[in-house]
Amino acid sequence: MKFILTVNSAWNVWNFRRPVVDDLIARGHEVIILAPYDKSIARLENLGCRYIPLVISPKGLNPADGVMLFRQMRAVFREIRPDAVLSFTIKNNILGAFVAKSLGIPFLPNVTGLGTAFLSDRILEFVAVTLYRQAFRKLPVVFFQNEDDRNLFVDRKITLISQCRLLPGSGIDLKRFEAAPFPRSDAEPVFLMIGRLLSDKGVFEYVEAARIVRSVIPHARFQILGATDAANRTAIGTDTVSDWEAEGVIEYLGTTDDVRSQIRAACCVILPSYREGAPRTLIEAAAMARPIITTDVPGCRAVVEDGITGFICEARSGTSLAEACLKFLKLGVNAQKRMGEAGRAKMEREYDDHFVVEAYRKAINEIVTAPSKSTTISFEKLDHNK
């Protein structure tokens, strides 16, 4: 079979969707990546994927940009005629669904998060809800990464509960992100935040918390790993980050393709986001046996067990985050280590990437065979290697 994976970033596929891609290719199916170009394309092609470029405006739901994206996707879907389209991120999900349904192509969206549309003004939220409702109408399966987002879609009558399936985020490779030895007891405490430098990620609250904690424990270190000047209206610029560095409140680590060494060096990983689908950085940190501190918001709170694998604080509050950090430091190294071990155990129970692969196998079988009620075939029988 032929599958198109469409998303707003090829990097997203390489970092988060690879278990599904690997499984499809291993079973003899063709995988076409439809996404904006970045350096991840070469890696995906080396896996065996085919690449088709897609131009997506990074800002908002501009009608003109939407029309252009719709036309691009329609041209590709008509030419390729895939057996199914697997989609991720808001624009690809909404417009991809409209295009696929117009061409009679099975479509499987994954709501990886609600984005700024549900964090901003009511008009934008109304537009997003209306588009989602029309796009997802009558789709057999819609994946969600947390219960809050699923419940919101059901409550707003965007989807029916019968359409909804829950995933443990994008899963985690527990062998690659193996448990790491906890930092030595005589090491300086290092807090680490990983993510794009956007205000919606809680970066300002993180910096405020760092100031408060360091006023009490001066040797505590607060690091940030992630891209600045992202093409997003809530992006934080390099000048602001440089000012924080000059103040001595944070250490900016830049960007990396592999976060494991930074997680290994930290005693706690923090994400004070305003809303997430399933925060990958926290899942990776917990898999490596690091305690996590995050906000009491959809997506984030699902990953942590408060007081067991980490702590939950109030969203949009640097003071609450600082209190959680100080509470963590008062535990002592042995208790911190046990907290990290509990987080690793939770990832093993709930977030192993094979859960995601199995869910996709089942859903693909359903959506590909659903149009033909006269013939019932299994995913395995569609597999060219079987």
Protein backbone atom coordinates (compact mmCIF):
# COMPACT_ATOMS: atom_id res chain seq x y z
CA MET A 1 0.00 0.00 0.00
CA LYS A 2 0.93 3.67 -0.33
CA PHE A 3 0.67 6.05 2.62
CA ILE A 4 1.09 9.81 2.71
CA LEU A 5 2.22 11.31 6.03
CA THR A 6 1.54 15.03 6.12
CA VAL A 7 2.69 17.38 8.88
CA ASN A 8 3.89 20.97 9.31
CA SER A 9 7.54 19.90 9.74
CA ALA A 10 9.59 17.00 8.42
CA TRP A 11 11.56 17.25 11.66
CA ASN A 12 8.33 16.31 13.41
CA VAL A 13 8.17 13.03 11.47
CA TRP A 14 11.81 12.18 12.13
CA ASN A 15 11.63 12.85 15.85
CA PHE A 16 8.09 11.78 16.76
CA ARG A 17 6.54 9.57 14.04
CA ARG A 18 9.47 7.32 13.18
CA PRO A 19 8.13 4.17 14.93
CA VAL A 20 5.05 4.27 12.69
CA VAL A 21 7.16 5.03 9.60
CA ASP A 22 9.60 2.24 10.41
CA ASP A 23 6.75 -0.22 10.91
CA LEU A 24 5.06 0.66 7.61
CA ILE A 25 8.32 0.37 5.65
CA ALA A 26 9.26 -2.88 7.38
CA ARG A 27 5.92 -4.31 6.23
CA GLY A 28 6.66 -3.44 2.62
CA HIS A 29 4.50 -0.35 2.24
CA GLU A 30 5.47 2.88 0.49
CA VAL A 31 5.67 6.00 2.68
CA ILE A 32 5.50 9.49 1.16
CA ILE A 33 6.32 12.48 3.38
CA LEU A 34 4.39 15.64 2.50
CA ALA A 35 5.86 18.46 4.58
CA PRO A 36 8.02 21.60 4.38
CA TYR A 37 11.67 20.90 3.64
CA ASP A 38 14.29 20.74 6.38
CA LYS A 39 17.47 18.76 7.03
CA SER A 40 15.45 15.80 8.33
CA ILE A 41 14.41 14.95 4.76
CA ALA A 42 17.73 13.26 3.94
CA ARG A 43 17.39 11.05 7.01
CA LEU A 44 13.81 10.11 6.15
CA GLU A 45 14.83 9.29 2.58
CA ASN A 46 17.59 7.08 3.95
CA LEU A 47 14.89 5.16 5.84
CA GLY A 48 13.16 4.53 2.52
CA CYS A 49 10.63 7.37 2.45
CA ARG A 50 9.77 9.40 -0.62
CA TYR A 51 9.55 13.17 -0.16
CA ILE A 52 7.20 15.75 -1.70
CA PRO A 53 7.61 19.40 -0.60
CA LEU A 54 4.73 21.32 0.94
CA VAL A 55 4.62 25.08 1.52
CA ILE A 56 2.89 26.04 4.78
CA SER A 57 2.67 29.52 6.26
CA PRO A 58 3.69 29.32 9.93
CA LYS A 59 1.27 32.04 10.99
CA GLY A 60 -2.42 31.74 11.78
CA LEU A 61 -5.31 30.50 9.68
CA ASN A 62 -5.10 33.07 6.90
CA PRO A 63 -7.78 32.28 4.26
CA ALA A 64 -5.45 32.93 1.31
CA ASP A 65 -2.79 30.65 2.77
CA GLY A 66 -5.45 28.05 3.43
CA VAL A 67 -6.60 28.08 -0.19
CA MET A 68 -3.01 27.68 -1.39
CA LEU A 69 -2.38 24.79 1.00
CA PHE A 70 -5.66 23.11 0.01
CA ARG A 71 -4.68 23.25 -3.66
CA GLN A 72 -1.21 21.86 -2.98
CA MET A 73 -2.59 18.94 -1.01
CA ARG A 74 -5.32 18.22 -3.53
CA ALA A 75 -2.81 18.07 -6.39
CA VAL A 76 -0.58 15.65 -4.48
CA PHE A 77 -3.42 13.43 -3.24
CA ARG A 78 -4.89 13.19 -6.77
CA GLU A 79 -1.55 12.31 -8.30
CA ILE A 80 -0.42 9.78 -5.66
CA ARG A 81 -3.85 8.27 -4.90
CA PRO A 82 -2.62 6.83 -1.59
CA ASP A 83 -4.41 4.01 0.19
CA ALA A 84 -4.59 6.34 3.22
CA VAL A 85 -3.31 9.68 4.52
CA LEU A 86 -1.91 9.92 8.05
CA SER A 87 -1.96 13.50 9.25
CA PHE A 88 -0.57 15.52 12.17
CA THR A 89 -0.83 19.19 13.29
CA ILE A 90 -3.77 21.53 12.88
CA LYS A 91 -3.56 22.82 9.29
CA ASN A 92 -2.64 19.44 7.85
CA ASN A 93 -5.44 17.81 9.84
CA ILE A 94 -8.15 20.27 8.83
CA LEU A 95 -7.30 20.93 5.19
CA GLY A 96 -6.02 17.41 4.62
CA ALA A 97 -9.35 16.02 5.83
CA PHE A 98 -11.32 18.25 3.44
CA VAL A 99 -9.12 17.22 0.50
CA ALA A 100 -9.08 13.51 1.31
CA LYS A 101 -12.85 13.34 1.79
CA SER A 102 -13.43 15.15 -1.52
CA LEU A 103 -11.34 12.49 -3.27
CA GLY A 104 -12.66 9.49 -1.36
CA ILE A 105 -9.27 8.76 0.26
CA PRO A 106 -9.19 7.32 3.81
CA PHE A 107 -7.85 9.92 6.25
CA LEU A 108 -6.45 9.39 9.75
CA PRO A 109 -5.74 12.58 11.75
CA ASN A 110 -3.78 12.81 15.00
CA VAL A 111 -4.65 15.81 17.20
CA THR A 112 -1.17 16.40 18.59
CA GLY A 113 -2.23 19.56 20.41
CA LEU A 114 -4.66 22.43 20.02
CA GLY A 115 -2.10 25.19 19.49
CA THR A 116 -2.59 28.90 19.94
CA ALA A 117 -6.06 28.80 18.36
CA PHE A 118 -7.43 27.58 21.70
CA LEU A 119 -5.27 29.91 23.78
CA SER A 120 -6.14 33.21 22.14
CA ASP A 121 -9.24 35.23 21.28
CA ARG A 122 -12.70 33.73 20.98
CA ILE A 123 -13.07 34.56 17.29
CA LEU A 124 -10.02 32.48 16.33
CA GLU A 125 -11.20 29.67 18.58
CA PHE A 126 -14.66 29.78 16.98
CA VAL A 127 -13.13 29.54 13.51
CA ALA A 128 -10.93 26.61 14.56
CA VAL A 129 -13.86 24.73 16.14
CA THR A 130 -16.04 25.29 13.07
CA LEU A 131 -13.36 24.07 10.68
CA TYR A 132 -12.50 21.06 12.82
CA ARG A 133 -16.19 20.11 13.09
CA GLN A 134 -16.66 20.10 9.32
CA ALA A 135 -13.31 18.46 8.57
CA PHE A 136 -13.63 15.58 11.05
CA ARG A 137 -17.31 14.87 10.35
CA LYS A 138 -17.82 11.16 9.58
CA LEU A 139 -14.12 10.24 9.82
CA PRO A 140 -13.95 6.69 11.23
CA VAL A 141 -11.01 7.34 13.58
CA VAL A 142 -9.47 10.45 15.15
CA PHE A 143 -6.44 10.04 17.39
CA PHE A 144 -5.90 12.20 20.49
CA GLN A 145 -2.88 12.39 22.77
CA ASN A 146 -4.67 13.21 25.99
CA GLU A 147 -8.13 12.87 27.53
CA ASP A 148 -8.66 16.63 27.94
CA ASP A 149 -8.38 17.32 24.21
CA ARG A 150 -10.60 14.36 23.40
CA ASN A 151 -13.23 15.49 25.89
CA LEU A 152 -13.11 19.04 24.56
CA PHE A 153 -13.78 17.82 21.01
CA VAL A 154 -16.66 15.64 22.20
CA ASP A 155 -18.16 18.40 24.39
CA ARG A 156 -17.96 20.93 21.53
CA LYS A 157 -19.58 18.35 19.22
CA ILE A 158 -16.56 18.36 16.93
CA THR A 159 -16.27 14.57 17.10
CA LEU A 160 -18.35 11.71 18.43
CA ILE A 161 -16.92 9.64 21.24
CA SER A 162 -17.10 6.62 18.91
CA GLN A 163 -14.57 8.27 16.58
CA CYS A 164 -12.01 8.99 19.27
CA ARG A 165 -8.94 6.92 20.15
CA LEU A 166 -6.35 7.80 22.78
CA LEU A 167 -2.61 7.44 22.20
CA PRO A 168 0.25 7.75 24.72
CA GLY A 169 1.61 10.76 22.88
CA SER A 170 3.94 9.65 20.10
CA GLY A 171 5.33 6.93 22.34
CA ILE A 172 8.94 6.62 23.43
CA ASP A 173 11.79 4.33 22.44
CA LEU A 174 12.71 3.02 25.89
CA LYS A 175 15.96 1.52 24.63
CA ARG A 176 17.19 4.76 23.13
CA PHE A 177 15.97 6.81 26.09
CA GLU A 178 17.23 4.46 28.75
CA ALA A 179 17.35 5.25 32.46
CA ALA A 180 20.44 7.32 33.26
CA PRO A 181 22.39 7.39 36.55
CA PHE A 182 21.22 10.26 38.75
CA PRO A 183 23.67 13.18 39.23
CA ARG A 184 25.99 12.93 42.20
CA SER A 185 24.83 14.29 45.53
CA ASP A 186 27.60 16.91 45.58
CA ALA A 187 26.71 18.25 42.11
CA GLU A 188 25.00 21.61 41.68
CA PRO A 189 21.24 21.18 41.10
CA VAL A 190 20.44 21.67 37.43
CA PHE A 191 16.92 22.39 36.18
CA LEU A 192 16.38 22.02 32.44
CA MET A 193 13.63 23.33 30.18
CA ILE A 194 13.47 21.92 26.65
CA GLY A 195 11.29 23.47 23.96
CA ARG A 196 10.87 26.26 21.46
CA LEU A 197 11.22 29.64 23.09
CA LEU A 198 7.59 30.70 22.92
CA SER A 199 5.64 32.55 25.57
CA ASP A 200 2.95 29.85 25.38
CA LYS A 201 5.54 27.35 26.58
CA GLY A 202 5.88 29.28 29.85
CA VAL A 203 9.39 30.58 29.24
CA PHE A 204 8.77 33.86 31.08
CA GLU A 205 7.41 31.95 34.08
CA TYR A 206 10.48 29.70 33.99
CA VAL A 207 12.79 32.73 34.12
CA GLU A 208 10.74 34.29 36.93
CA ALA A 209 10.95 31.04 38.90
CA ALA A 210 14.70 30.91 38.32
CA ARG A 211 15.10 34.37 39.84
CA ILE A 212 13.08 33.37 42.92
CA VAL A 213 14.86 30.06 43.48
CA ARG A 214 18.33 31.50 42.93
CA SER A 215 17.62 34.23 45.48
CA VAL A 216 17.26 31.41 48.03
CA ILE A 217 19.69 28.85 46.56
CA PRO A 218 22.26 30.79 44.50
CA HIS A 219 24.04 27.70 43.20
CA ALA A 220 20.87 26.31 41.55
CA ARG A 221 21.21 26.37 37.76
CA PHE A 222 18.41 26.90 35.24
CA GLN A 223 19.05 25.90 31.63
CA ILE A 224 17.00 26.36 28.45
CA LEU A 225 17.44 24.17 25.37
CA GLY A 226 15.48 25.17 22.28
CA ALA A 227 15.23 27.38 19.23
CA THR A 228 14.79 31.16 19.41
CA ASP A 229 13.08 33.40 16.86
CA ALA A 230 10.72 30.64 15.80
CA ALA A 231 8.18 31.56 13.12
CA ASN A 232 5.42 31.97 15.66
CA ARG A 233 3.65 35.08 16.92
CA THR A 234 4.52 34.19 20.54
CA ALA A 235 8.23 33.69 19.82
CA ILE A 236 10.86 35.13 22.18
CA GLY A 237 13.80 36.81 20.46
CA THR A 238 17.52 36.29 20.89
CA ASP A 239 17.98 39.75 22.45
CA THR A 240 15.70 38.83 25.33
CA VAL A 241 17.54 35.55 25.87
CA SER A 242 20.88 37.36 25.79
CA ASP A 243 19.63 39.75 28.49
CA TRP A 244 18.69 36.79 30.70
CA GLU A 245 22.11 35.27 30.19
CA ALA A 246 23.82 38.56 31.04
CA GLU A 247 21.74 38.75 34.20
CA GLY A 248 22.97 35.28 35.11
CA VAL A 249 19.48 33.91 35.67
CA ILE A 250 19.56 31.24 32.95
CA GLU A 251 22.03 29.32 30.79
CA TYR A 252 20.98 29.12 27.14
CA LEU A 253 22.14 25.86 25.52
CA GLY A 254 21.05 26.54 21.96
CA THR A 255 19.63 23.62 19.98
CA THR A 256 20.54 20.00 19.44
CA ASP A 257 19.39 16.95 17.50
CA ASP A 258 19.88 14.74 20.55
CA VAL A 259 18.68 15.91 23.97
CA ARG A 260 19.88 12.89 25.92
CA SER A 261 23.17 14.34 27.19
CA GLN A 262 21.41 17.47 28.49
CA ILE A 263 18.72 15.41 30.23
CA ARG A 264 21.39 13.15 31.71
CA ALA A 265 23.16 16.15 33.25
CA ALA A 266 19.98 17.58 34.82
CA CYS A 267 18.36 16.60 38.09
CA CYS A 268 14.90 17.77 37.00
CA VAL A 269 13.21 18.69 33.70
CA ILE A 270 10.60 21.46 33.65
CA LEU A 271 7.88 22.44 31.18
CA PRO A 272 5.59 25.30 32.36
CA SER A 273 3.48 25.20 29.17
CA TYR A 274 -0.03 26.66 28.87
CA ARG A 275 -1.31 23.58 27.01
CA GLU A 276 0.15 20.54 25.24
CA GLY A 277 -0.93 17.47 23.33
CA ALA A 278 1.55 15.11 24.94
CA PRO A 279 4.79 16.87 25.93
CA ARG A 280 7.54 14.85 24.32
CA THR A 281 10.33 16.45 26.34
CA LEU A 282 8.72 15.39 29.62
CA ILE A 283 8.17 11.87 28.31
CA GLU A 284 11.82 11.64 27.27
CA ALA A 285 12.96 12.99 30.64
CA ALA A 286 10.80 10.55 32.60
CA ALA A 287 12.03 7.67 30.44
CA MET A 288 15.58 8.62 31.44
CA ALA A 289 14.55 8.52 35.12
CA ARG A 290 14.44 12.25 35.66
CA PRO A 291 11.75 13.85 37.84
CA ILE A 292 9.60 16.41 36.04
CA ILE A 293 7.81 19.59 37.04
CA THR A 294 4.98 20.83 34.84
CA THR A 295 1.74 22.78 34.85
CA ASP A 296 -1.78 21.68 35.69
CA VAL A 297 -3.03 21.92 32.10
CA PRO A 298 -4.23 19.47 29.44
CA GLY A 299 -1.45 17.25 28.16
CA CYS A 300 1.09 18.15 30.82
CA ARG A 301 -0.75 16.81 33.86
CA ALA A 302 -1.32 13.45 32.15
CA VAL A 303 2.42 12.73 32.05
CA VAL A 304 3.23 13.31 35.74
CA GLU A 305 1.90 11.77 38.94
CA ASP A 306 2.04 14.64 41.40
CA GLY A 307 4.36 13.91 44.31
CA ILE A 308 5.38 10.54 42.83
CA THR A 309 7.10 11.14 39.48
CA GLY A 310 7.36 14.91 39.84
CA PHE A 311 5.33 17.96 40.79
CA ILE A 312 2.47 19.92 39.27
CA CYS A 313 2.28 23.70 39.57
CA GLU A 314 -0.15 26.39 38.49
CA ALA A 315 -0.02 27.55 34.89
CA ARG A 316 1.11 31.12 34.12
CA SER A 317 2.62 31.49 37.60
CA GLY A 318 6.36 31.84 38.10
CA THR A 319 5.77 31.89 41.86
CA SER A 320 3.98 28.53 41.84
CA LEU A 321 6.72 27.05 39.66
CA ALA A 322 9.38 28.36 42.04
CA GLU A 323 7.58 26.77 44.98
CA ALA A 324 7.58 23.43 43.16
CA CYS A 325 11.30 23.74 42.44
CA LEU A 326 12.08 24.53 46.08
CA LYS A 327 9.90 21.63 47.23
CA PHE A 328 11.86 19.36 44.89
CA LEU A 329 15.21 20.56 46.21
CA LYS A 330 14.13 19.94 49.81
CA LEU A 331 13.56 16.25 49.05
CA GLY A 332 17.21 15.35 49.00
CA VAL A 333 19.02 13.33 46.34
CA ASN A 334 17.79 9.87 47.37
CA ALA A 335 14.13 10.91 47.25
CA GLN A 336 14.72 12.73 43.97
CA LYS A 337 16.27 9.58 42.53
CA ARG A 338 13.27 7.48 43.62
CA MET A 339 10.97 10.00 41.98
CA GLY A 340 12.88 9.60 38.71
CA GLU A 341 12.71 5.82 38.94
CA ALA A 342 8.94 6.03 39.43
CA GLY A 343 8.74 8.16 36.29
CA ARG A 344 10.69 5.56 34.32
CA ALA A 345 8.31 2.85 35.52
CA LYS A 346 5.32 4.94 34.38
CA MET A 347 6.83 5.30 30.90
CA GLU A 348 7.37 1.54 30.69
CA ARG A 349 3.76 0.88 31.69
CA GLU A 350 2.05 3.48 29.54
CA TYR A 351 4.25 5.17 26.93
CA ASP A 352 6.28 2.49 25.12
CA ASP A 353 6.15 3.31 21.39
CA HIS A 354 4.89 -0.17 20.51
CA PHE A 355 1.50 0.93 21.91
CA VAL A 356 1.38 3.65 19.24
CA VAL A 357 2.43 1.30 16.45
CA GLU A 358 -0.24 -1.23 17.40
CA ALA A 359 -2.91 1.49 17.52
CA TYR A 360 -1.97 2.66 14.01
CA ARG A 361 -2.00 -0.88 12.64
CA LYS A 362 -5.52 -1.39 13.95
CA ALA A 363 -6.81 1.99 12.74
CA ILE A 364 -5.28 1.62 9.29
CA ASN A 365 -6.92 -1.75 8.87
CA GLU A 366 -10.28 -0.20 9.79
CA ILE A 367 -10.14 2.88 7.58
CA VAL A 368 -8.67 1.14 4.53
CA THR A 369 -11.13 -1.75 4.55
CA ALA A 370 -14.17 0.25 5.73
CA PRO A 371 -15.32 1.43 2.26
CA SER A 372 -15.65 -2.18 1.04
CA LYS A 373 -18.08 -4.11 3.20
CA SER A 374 -18.09 -7.05 0.81
CA THR A 375 -14.45 -7.87 1.45
CA THR A 376 -12.85 -8.18 4.87
CA ILE A 377 -9.07 -8.26 4.89
CA SER A 378 -6.55 -7.81 7.65
CA PHE A 379 -3.63 -5.40 7.79
CA GLU A 380 -1.31 -8.41 7.74
CA LYS A 381 -2.86 -9.67 4.48
CA LEU A 382 -2.26 -6.28 2.91
CA ASP A 383 1.37 -6.58 3.90
CA HIS A 384 3.51 -7.33 0.84
CA ASN A 385 6.09 -9.12 3.03
CA LYS A 386 3.61 -11.64 4.46
